Amino acid sequence: MRPEKDALEAWIVEAGDLAAGTAPVQVLATNSRLFLTVYGICRQSIKYTQAYLVTARADFALESVPMVRAAFEHAVTAQWCYLTPGGHDLVLAGVKASMLELARKFATLSGNSAWQEEIAESTVPKDHGRPSFTKMMSAVDHEDHLATMYADLSQGVHVTSGALTEFLDASDDSMALRDERQESADARYRVLHAAAMSSMFAISVLAHVRDDQHLLDILSQRSDELTLPLLLGDGTDPREQDKL
């Protein structure tokens, strides 16, 4: 039986509360670089889900879908970083490459020669190794469940037939305008479920990287209650296997 809407919404709020705070945390030295890489990614994912909930409750359910898609991308990226040996280094190099490419475009547009020269001196490895998001997703999604969820969320971002037709109310002999698009309860639930899952993916990575057993116990209970997985792939923690 699928989780109730109220339970999923309550979990999104709870996840935000569990992740909040700036008190010092203890992280194993072997995980310090990984933690610094994924912390911001995970926090941003969780904040996107919180923003989604506020927006959806204000009767902008369709307009809140892009926030869930962004939360999903961040959370799956964090999971890939954690589950893939050296994944965080590949993501760091990829982010640097993307930022340099954007800086080059702005420098060219500005015509600032000093800026252009400074950018030209900055380099990253030509093959930085970070796969595309879809490849990261497929690497940790052996049954294509995530791909289907992502495709569904993408319908709320791109120009689709719904944007073209659902603000119009057509009959045999007339055409009327609508202020709102019609959306099914099932479609709203799918977005809510994706948001709740993204929250779980993100906070689970933080808990595992910090080896926070108290938080992991809470997440394990919520995972059972809401049928939300803690880790992608086959559900096992590669770092625990390394300890054996």
C-alpha atoms as a PDB file:
ATOM      1  CA  MET A   1       0.000   0.000   0.000  1.00  0.00           C
ATOM      2  CA  ARG A   2       1.397   3.363  -0.967  1.00  0.00           C
ATOM      3  CA  PRO A   3       2.168   5.946   1.738  1.00  0.00           C
ATOM      4  CA  GLU A   4      -0.506   8.503   2.569  1.00  0.00           C
ATOM      5  CA  LYS A   5      -0.139  12.053   1.246  1.00  0.00           C
ATOM      6  CA  ASP A   6      -0.040  13.533   4.749  1.00  0.00           C
ATOM      7  CA  ALA A   7       2.713  11.139   5.798  1.00  0.00           C
ATOM      8  CA  LEU A   8       4.897  12.081   2.820  1.00  0.00           C
ATOM      9  CA  GLU A   9       4.381  15.793   3.473  1.00  0.00           C
ATOM     10  CA  ALA A  10       5.216  15.315   7.150  1.00  0.00           C
ATOM     11  CA  TRP A  11       8.406  13.497   6.158  1.00  0.00           C
ATOM     12  CA  ILE A  12       9.551  16.363   3.925  1.00  0.00           C
ATOM     13  CA  VAL A  13       9.124  18.750   6.851  1.00  0.00           C
ATOM     14  CA  GLU A  14      10.907  16.355   9.217  1.00  0.00           C
ATOM     15  CA  ALA A  15      13.791  15.859   6.781  1.00  0.00           C
ATOM     16  CA  GLY A  16      14.279  19.614   6.664  1.00  0.00           C
ATOM     17  CA  ASP A  17      14.361  19.752  10.455  1.00  0.00           C
ATOM     18  CA  LEU A  18      16.797  16.827  10.700  1.00  0.00           C
ATOM     19  CA  ALA A  19      19.186  18.384   8.199  1.00  0.00           C
ATOM     20  CA  ALA A  20      19.002  21.929   9.577  1.00  0.00           C
ATOM     21  CA  GLY A  21      21.570  23.525  11.828  1.00  0.00           C
ATOM     22  CA  THR A  22      25.157  24.669  11.617  1.00  0.00           C
ATOM     23  CA  ALA A  23      26.561  23.038  14.733  1.00  0.00           C
ATOM     24  CA  PRO A  24      29.936  21.331  14.240  1.00  0.00           C
ATOM     25  CA  VAL A  25      29.725  17.715  13.071  1.00  0.00           C
ATOM     26  CA  GLN A  26      32.217  14.902  13.323  1.00  0.00           C
ATOM     27  CA  VAL A  27      33.317  13.288  10.081  1.00  0.00           C
ATOM     28  CA  LEU A  28      35.846  10.505   9.616  1.00  0.00           C
ATOM     29  CA  ALA A  29      39.070  11.777   8.086  1.00  0.00           C
ATOM     30  CA  THR A  30      38.625   9.327   5.218  1.00  0.00           C
ATOM     31  CA  ASN A  31      35.259  10.932   4.424  1.00  0.00           C
ATOM     32  CA  SER A  32      36.169  14.592   4.894  1.00  0.00           C
ATOM     33  CA  ARG A  33      36.609  15.441   1.206  1.00  0.00           C
ATOM     34  CA  LEU A  34      33.492  13.486   0.306  1.00  0.00           C
ATOM     35  CA  PHE A  35      31.502  15.299   3.009  1.00  0.00           C
ATOM     36  CA  LEU A  36      32.619  18.719   1.778  1.00  0.00           C
ATOM     37  CA  THR A  37      31.532  17.724  -1.731  1.00  0.00           C
ATOM     38  CA  VAL A  38      28.088  16.334  -0.957  1.00  0.00           C
ATOM     39  CA  TYR A  39      26.980  18.512   1.960  1.00  0.00           C
ATOM     40  CA  GLY A  40      25.882  21.480  -0.124  1.00  0.00           C
ATOM     41  CA  ILE A  41      24.357  19.236  -2.791  1.00  0.00           C
ATOM     42  CA  CYS A  42      22.261  17.425  -0.201  1.00  0.00           C
ATOM     43  CA  ARG A  43      21.208  20.569   1.657  1.00  0.00           C
ATOM     44  CA  GLN A  44      20.147  22.205  -1.595  1.00  0.00           C
ATOM     45  CA  SER A  45      18.099  19.150  -2.518  1.00  0.00           C
ATOM     46  CA  ILE A  46      16.285  19.193   0.810  1.00  0.00           C
ATOM     47  CA  LYS A  47      15.631  22.938   0.588  1.00  0.00           C
ATOM     48  CA  TYR A  48      14.185  22.463  -2.897  1.00  0.00           C
ATOM     49  CA  THR A  49      11.714  19.920  -1.492  1.00  0.00           C
ATOM     50  CA  GLN A  50      10.738  22.317   1.282  1.00  0.00           C
ATOM     51  CA  ALA A  51      10.196  25.098  -1.265  1.00  0.00           C
ATOM     52  CA  TYR A  52       8.098  22.695  -3.327  1.00  0.00           C
ATOM     53  CA  LEU A  53       5.861  21.961  -0.349  1.00  0.00           C
ATOM     54  CA  VAL A  54       5.282  25.658   0.372  1.00  0.00           C
ATOM     55  CA  THR A  55       4.532  26.377  -3.278  1.00  0.00           C
ATOM     56  CA  ALA A  56       2.245  23.382  -3.780  1.00  0.00           C
ATOM     57  CA  ARG A  57       0.272  24.229  -0.645  1.00  0.00           C
ATOM     58  CA  ALA A  58      -0.238  27.713  -2.070  1.00  0.00           C
ATOM     59  CA  ASP A  59      -2.115  26.148  -5.021  1.00  0.00           C
ATOM     60  CA  PHE A  60       0.816  26.290  -7.434  1.00  0.00           C
ATOM     61  CA  ALA A  61       1.210  22.518  -7.686  1.00  0.00           C
ATOM     62  CA  LEU A  62       2.224  22.424 -11.348  1.00  0.00           C
ATOM     63  CA  GLU A  63       4.538  25.391 -10.970  1.00  0.00           C
ATOM     64  CA  SER A  64       6.326  23.633  -8.107  1.00  0.00           C
ATOM     65  CA  VAL A  65       7.345  20.634 -10.239  1.00  0.00           C
ATOM     66  CA  PRO A  66      10.642  22.209 -11.459  1.00  0.00           C
ATOM     67  CA  MET A  67      11.749  22.444  -7.826  1.00  0.00           C
ATOM     68  CA  VAL A  68      11.172  18.728  -7.332  1.00  0.00           C
ATOM     69  CA  ARG A  69      13.072  17.946 -10.521  1.00  0.00           C
ATOM     70  CA  ALA A  70      15.988  20.022  -9.247  1.00  0.00           C
ATOM     71  CA  ALA A  71      15.801  18.305  -5.839  1.00  0.00           C
ATOM     72  CA  PHE A  72      15.801  14.935  -7.571  1.00  0.00           C
ATOM     73  CA  GLU A  73      18.862  15.798  -9.682  1.00  0.00           C
ATOM     74  CA  HIS A  74      20.800  16.988  -6.640  1.00  0.00           C
ATOM     75  CA  ALA A  75      19.839  13.978  -4.519  1.00  0.00           C
ATOM     76  CA  VAL A  76      20.673  11.384  -7.174  1.00  0.00           C
ATOM     77  CA  THR A  77      23.988  13.134  -7.872  1.00  0.00           C
ATOM     78  CA  ALA A  78      24.827  12.970  -4.149  1.00  0.00           C
ATOM     79  CA  GLN A  79      23.955   9.275  -4.068  1.00  0.00           C
ATOM     80  CA  TRP A  80      26.164   8.638  -7.101  1.00  0.00           C
ATOM     81  CA  CYS A  81      29.028  10.528  -5.409  1.00  0.00           C
ATOM     82  CA  TYR A  82      28.693   8.373  -2.313  1.00  0.00           C
ATOM     83  CA  LEU A  83      28.253   5.022  -4.058  1.00  0.00           C
ATOM     84  CA  THR A  84      30.887   5.487  -6.780  1.00  0.00           C
ATOM     85  CA  PRO A  85      34.561   5.143  -5.829  1.00  0.00           C
ATOM     86  CA  GLY A  86      36.188   8.501  -6.580  1.00  0.00           C
ATOM     87  CA  GLY A  87      32.822   9.911  -7.648  1.00  0.00           C
ATOM     88  CA  HIS A  88      33.169  13.075  -5.613  1.00  0.00           C
ATOM     89  CA  ASP A  89      36.465  13.940  -7.316  1.00  0.00           C
ATOM     90  CA  LEU A  90      34.834  13.507 -10.724  1.00  0.00           C
ATOM     91  CA  VAL A  91      31.943  15.763  -9.718  1.00  0.00           C
ATOM     92  CA  LEU A  92      34.318  18.437  -8.394  1.00  0.00           C
ATOM     93  CA  ALA A  93      36.291  18.414 -11.643  1.00  0.00           C
ATOM     94  CA  GLY A  94      33.088  18.490 -13.678  1.00  0.00           C
ATOM     95  CA  VAL A  95      31.699  21.447 -11.747  1.00  0.00           C
ATOM     96  CA  LYS A  96      34.976  23.317 -12.218  1.00  0.00           C
ATOM     97  CA  ALA A  97      34.905  22.610 -15.954  1.00  0.00           C
ATOM     98  CA  SER A  98      31.313  23.868 -16.220  1.00  0.00           C
ATOM     99  CA  MET A  99      32.102  27.028 -14.253  1.00  0.00           C
ATOM    100  CA  LEU A 100      35.145  27.764 -16.423  1.00  0.00           C
ATOM    101  CA  GLU A 101      33.113  27.311 -19.583  1.00  0.00           C
ATOM    102  CA  LEU A 102      30.480  29.744 -18.288  1.00  0.00           C
ATOM    103  CA  ALA A 103      33.198  32.225 -17.247  1.00  0.00           C
ATOM    104  CA  ARG A 104      34.744  32.021 -20.727  1.00  0.00           C
ATOM    105  CA  LYS A 105      31.404  32.881 -22.301  1.00  0.00           C
ATOM    106  CA  PHE A 106      30.910  35.882 -20.022  1.00  0.00           C
ATOM    107  CA  ALA A 107      34.499  37.017 -20.604  1.00  0.00           C
ATOM    108  CA  THR A 108      34.003  36.822 -24.366  1.00  0.00           C
ATOM    109  CA  LEU A 109      30.711  38.687 -24.120  1.00  0.00           C
ATOM    110  CA  SER A 110      32.231  41.421 -21.950  1.00  0.00           C
ATOM    111  CA  GLY A 111      35.215  41.996 -24.225  1.00  0.00           C
ATOM    112  CA  ASN A 112      37.443  42.310 -21.142  1.00  0.00           C
ATOM    113  CA  SER A 113      40.849  41.133 -22.374  1.00  0.00           C
ATOM    114  CA  ALA A 114      42.390  40.889 -18.896  1.00  0.00           C
ATOM    115  CA  TRP A 115      39.530  38.672 -17.768  1.00  0.00           C
ATOM    116  CA  GLN A 116      39.838  36.569 -20.913  1.00  0.00           C
ATOM    117  CA  GLU A 117      43.568  36.043 -20.305  1.00  0.00           C
ATOM    118  CA  GLU A 118      42.982  35.071 -16.698  1.00  0.00           C
ATOM    119  CA  ILE A 119      40.312  32.553 -17.699  1.00  0.00           C
ATOM    120  CA  ALA A 120      42.560  31.132 -20.428  1.00  0.00           C
ATOM    121  CA  GLU A 121      45.214  30.297 -17.819  1.00  0.00           C
ATOM    122  CA  SER A 122      42.756  28.227 -15.772  1.00  0.00           C
ATOM    123  CA  THR A 123      42.529  24.595 -16.784  1.00  0.00           C
ATOM    124  CA  VAL A 124      40.941  21.324 -15.794  1.00  0.00           C
ATOM    125  CA  PRO A 125      41.757  17.876 -17.165  1.00  0.00           C
ATOM    126  CA  LYS A 126      40.354  17.625 -20.690  1.00  0.00           C
ATOM    127  CA  ASP A 127      38.634  14.367 -19.784  1.00  0.00           C
ATOM    128  CA  HIS A 128      37.389  15.251 -16.309  1.00  0.00           C
ATOM    129  CA  GLY A 129      35.404  12.045 -16.229  1.00  0.00           C
ATOM    130  CA  ARG A 130      32.106  13.224 -14.782  1.00  0.00           C
ATOM    131  CA  PRO A 131      29.305  11.459 -16.640  1.00  0.00           C
ATOM    132  CA  SER A 132      26.088  13.194 -17.598  1.00  0.00           C
ATOM    133  CA  PHE A 133      23.274  13.161 -15.061  1.00  0.00           C
ATOM    134  CA  THR A 134      21.368  10.542 -17.040  1.00  0.00           C
ATOM    135  CA  LYS A 135      24.415   8.257 -17.001  1.00  0.00           C
ATOM    136  CA  MET A 136      24.878   8.798 -13.261  1.00  0.00           C
ATOM    137  CA  MET A 137      21.221   7.972 -12.765  1.00  0.00           C
ATOM    138  CA  SER A 138      21.367   4.790 -14.832  1.00  0.00           C
ATOM    139  CA  ALA A 139      24.484   3.657 -12.937  1.00  0.00           C
ATOM    140  CA  VAL A 140      22.535   3.553  -9.664  1.00  0.00           C
ATOM    141  CA  ASP A 141      19.111   2.682 -11.105  1.00  0.00           C
ATOM    142  CA  HIS A 142      19.212  -0.901 -12.293  1.00  0.00           C
ATOM    143  CA  GLU A 143      15.481  -1.192 -13.045  1.00  0.00           C
ATOM    144  CA  ASP A 144      14.874   2.239 -14.651  1.00  0.00           C
ATOM    145  CA  HIS A 145      12.487   3.375 -11.909  1.00  0.00           C
ATOM    146  CA  LEU A 146      14.376   6.636 -11.515  1.00  0.00           C
ATOM    147  CA  ALA A 147      14.436   7.244 -15.262  1.00  0.00           C
ATOM    148  CA  THR A 148      10.647   6.980 -15.391  1.00  0.00           C
ATOM    149  CA  MET A 149      10.272   9.327 -12.422  1.00  0.00           C
ATOM    150  CA  TYR A 150      12.679  11.832 -13.978  1.00  0.00           C
ATOM    151  CA  ALA A 151      10.842  11.735 -17.310  1.00  0.00           C
ATOM    152  CA  ASP A 152       7.571  12.386 -15.498  1.00  0.00           C
ATOM    153  CA  LEU A 153       9.044  15.362 -13.605  1.00  0.00           C
ATOM    154  CA  SER A 154      10.505  16.732 -16.834  1.00  0.00           C
ATOM    155  CA  GLN A 155       6.988  17.097 -18.213  1.00  0.00           C
ATOM    156  CA  GLY A 156       6.532  19.954 -15.744  1.00  0.00           C
ATOM    157  CA  VAL A 157       9.628  21.755 -17.018  1.00  0.00           C
ATOM    158  CA  HIS A 158       9.463  21.484 -20.794  1.00  0.00           C
ATOM    159  CA  VAL A 159       6.904  22.807 -23.267  1.00  0.00           C
ATOM    160  CA  THR A 160       4.400  19.991 -23.622  1.00  0.00           C
ATOM    161  CA  SER A 161       0.937  19.473 -25.038  1.00  0.00           C
ATOM    162  CA  GLY A 162      -0.494  20.316 -21.615  1.00  0.00           C
ATOM    163  CA  ALA A 163       0.882  23.852 -21.740  1.00  0.00           C
ATOM    164  CA  LEU A 164      -0.587  24.260 -25.216  1.00  0.00           C
ATOM    165  CA  THR A 165      -4.053  22.906 -24.582  1.00  0.00           C
ATOM    166  CA  GLU A 166      -4.964  22.822 -20.903  1.00  0.00           C
ATOM    167  CA  PHE A 167      -5.468  26.570 -20.557  1.00  0.00           C
ATOM    168  CA  LEU A 168      -8.184  26.214 -23.182  1.00  0.00           C
ATOM    169  CA  ASP A 169     -11.631  24.715 -22.731  1.00  0.00           C
ATOM    170  CA  ALA A 170     -12.908  23.544 -26.096  1.00  0.00           C
ATOM    171  CA  SER A 171     -16.367  22.299 -26.977  1.00  0.00           C
ATOM    172  CA  ASP A 172     -17.994  21.508 -30.294  1.00  0.00           C
ATOM    173  CA  ASP A 173     -18.889  25.101 -31.081  1.00  0.00           C
ATOM    174  CA  SER A 174     -16.866  27.336 -28.716  1.00  0.00           C
ATOM    175  CA  MET A 175     -13.534  27.924 -27.044  1.00  0.00           C
ATOM    176  CA  ALA A 176     -13.080  29.342 -23.544  1.00  0.00           C
ATOM    177  CA  LEU A 177      -9.973  30.353 -21.624  1.00  0.00           C
ATOM    178  CA  ARG A 178      -8.907  28.901 -18.292  1.00  0.00           C
ATOM    179  CA  ASP A 179      -6.837  30.449 -15.510  1.00  0.00           C
ATOM    180  CA  GLU A 180      -5.581  27.076 -14.289  1.00  0.00           C
ATOM    181  CA  ARG A 181      -4.559  23.791 -15.833  1.00  0.00           C
ATOM    182  CA  GLN A 182      -6.417  20.705 -14.750  1.00  0.00           C
ATOM    183  CA  GLU A 183      -4.224  18.202 -12.909  1.00  0.00           C
ATOM    184  CA  SER A 184      -5.180  14.802 -11.577  1.00  0.00           C
ATOM    185  CA  ALA A 185      -4.758  13.795  -7.959  1.00  0.00           C
ATOM    186  CA  ASP A 186      -2.539  10.941  -9.132  1.00  0.00           C
ATOM    187  CA  ALA A 187      -0.193  13.352 -10.923  1.00  0.00           C
ATOM    188  CA  ARG A 188       0.089  15.481  -7.784  1.00  0.00           C
ATOM    189  CA  TYR A 189       0.852  12.407  -5.718  1.00  0.00           C
ATOM    190  CA  ARG A 190       3.638  11.312  -8.073  1.00  0.00           C
ATOM    191  CA  VAL A 191       5.348  14.684  -7.657  1.00  0.00           C
ATOM    192  CA  LEU A 192       4.940  14.567  -3.865  1.00  0.00           C
ATOM    193  CA  HIS A 193       6.373  11.051  -3.773  1.00  0.00           C
ATOM    194  CA  ALA A 194       9.370  12.147  -5.862  1.00  0.00           C
ATOM    195  CA  ALA A 195       9.968  15.047  -3.465  1.00  0.00           C
ATOM    196  CA  ALA A 196       9.805  12.777  -0.425  1.00  0.00           C
ATOM    197  CA  MET A 197      12.156  10.284  -2.078  1.00  0.00           C
ATOM    198  CA  SER A 198      14.618  13.051  -2.948  1.00  0.00           C
ATOM    199  CA  SER A 199      14.634  14.167   0.694  1.00  0.00           C
ATOM    200  CA  MET A 200      15.398  10.623   1.795  1.00  0.00           C
ATOM    201  CA  PHE A 201      18.172  10.158  -0.775  1.00  0.00           C
ATOM    202  CA  ALA A 202      19.819  13.423   0.267  1.00  0.00           C
ATOM    203  CA  ILE A 203      19.677  13.116   4.033  1.00  0.00           C
ATOM    204  CA  SER A 204      20.663   9.453   3.859  1.00  0.00           C
ATOM    205  CA  VAL A 205      23.919  10.404   2.136  1.00  0.00           C
ATOM    206  CA  LEU A 206      24.663  12.952   4.865  1.00  0.00           C
ATOM    207  CA  ALA A 207      23.971  10.396   7.583  1.00  0.00           C
ATOM    208  CA  HIS A 208      26.140   7.735   5.950  1.00  0.00           C
ATOM    209  CA  VAL A 209      29.051  10.079   5.261  1.00  0.00           C
ATOM    210  CA  ARG A 210      28.968  11.308   8.865  1.00  0.00           C
ATOM    211  CA  ASP A 211      28.439   7.748  10.141  1.00  0.00           C
ATOM    212  CA  ASP A 212      25.659   9.202  12.295  1.00  0.00           C
ATOM    213  CA  GLN A 213      24.079   6.071  13.740  1.00  0.00           C
ATOM    214  CA  HIS A 214      21.339   7.941  15.614  1.00  0.00           C
ATOM    215  CA  LEU A 215      20.196   9.639  12.412  1.00  0.00           C
ATOM    216  CA  LEU A 216      20.520   6.394  10.445  1.00  0.00           C
ATOM    217  CA  ASP A 217      18.213   4.674  12.956  1.00  0.00           C
ATOM    218  CA  ILE A 218      15.591   7.390  12.444  1.00  0.00           C
ATOM    219  CA  LEU A 219      15.935   7.178   8.659  1.00  0.00           C
ATOM    220  CA  SER A 220      15.699   3.404   8.685  1.00  0.00           C
ATOM    221  CA  GLN A 221      12.398   3.618  10.544  1.00  0.00           C
ATOM    222  CA  ARG A 222      11.030   6.257   8.153  1.00  0.00           C
ATOM    223  CA  SER A 223      12.276   4.209   5.197  1.00  0.00           C
ATOM    224  CA  ASP A 224      10.238   1.219   6.376  1.00  0.00           C
ATOM    225  CA  GLU A 225       7.173   3.313   7.145  1.00  0.00           C
ATOM    226  CA  LEU A 226       7.150   5.187   3.841  1.00  0.00           C
ATOM    227  CA  THR A 227       8.805   2.608   1.549  1.00  0.00           C
ATOM    228  CA  LEU A 228      11.535   5.064   0.595  1.00  0.00           C
ATOM    229  CA  PRO A 229      14.993   3.544  -0.008  1.00  0.00           C
ATOM    230  CA  LEU A 230      18.001   4.883   1.861  1.00  0.00           C
ATOM    231  CA  LEU A 231      20.562   3.994  -0.812  1.00  0.00           C
ATOM    232  CA  LEU A 232      20.273   3.432  -4.540  1.00  0.00           C
ATOM    233  CA  GLY A 233      21.852   0.609  -6.518  1.00  0.00           C
ATOM    234  CA  ASP A 234      21.430  -2.685  -4.690  1.00  0.00           C
ATOM    235  CA  GLY A 235      20.881  -0.852  -1.403  1.00  0.00           C
ATOM    236  CA  THR A 236      24.208  -1.837   0.123  1.00  0.00           C
ATOM    237  CA  ASP A 237      26.835   0.555   1.447  1.00  0.00           C
ATOM    238  CA  PRO A 238      30.144   0.019  -0.404  1.00  0.00           C
ATOM    239  CA  ARG A 239      32.093   1.507   2.500  1.00  0.00           C
ATOM    240  CA  GLU A 240      30.626  -1.035   4.892  1.00  0.00           C
ATOM    241  CA  GLN A 241      31.707  -3.796   2.516  1.00  0.00           C
ATOM    242  CA  ASP A 242      35.244  -2.368   2.535  1.00  0.00           C
ATOM    243  CA  LYS A 243      35.358  -2.804   6.318  1.00  0.00           C
ATOM    244  CA  LEU A 244      34.724  -6.551   6.076  1.00  0.00           C
END
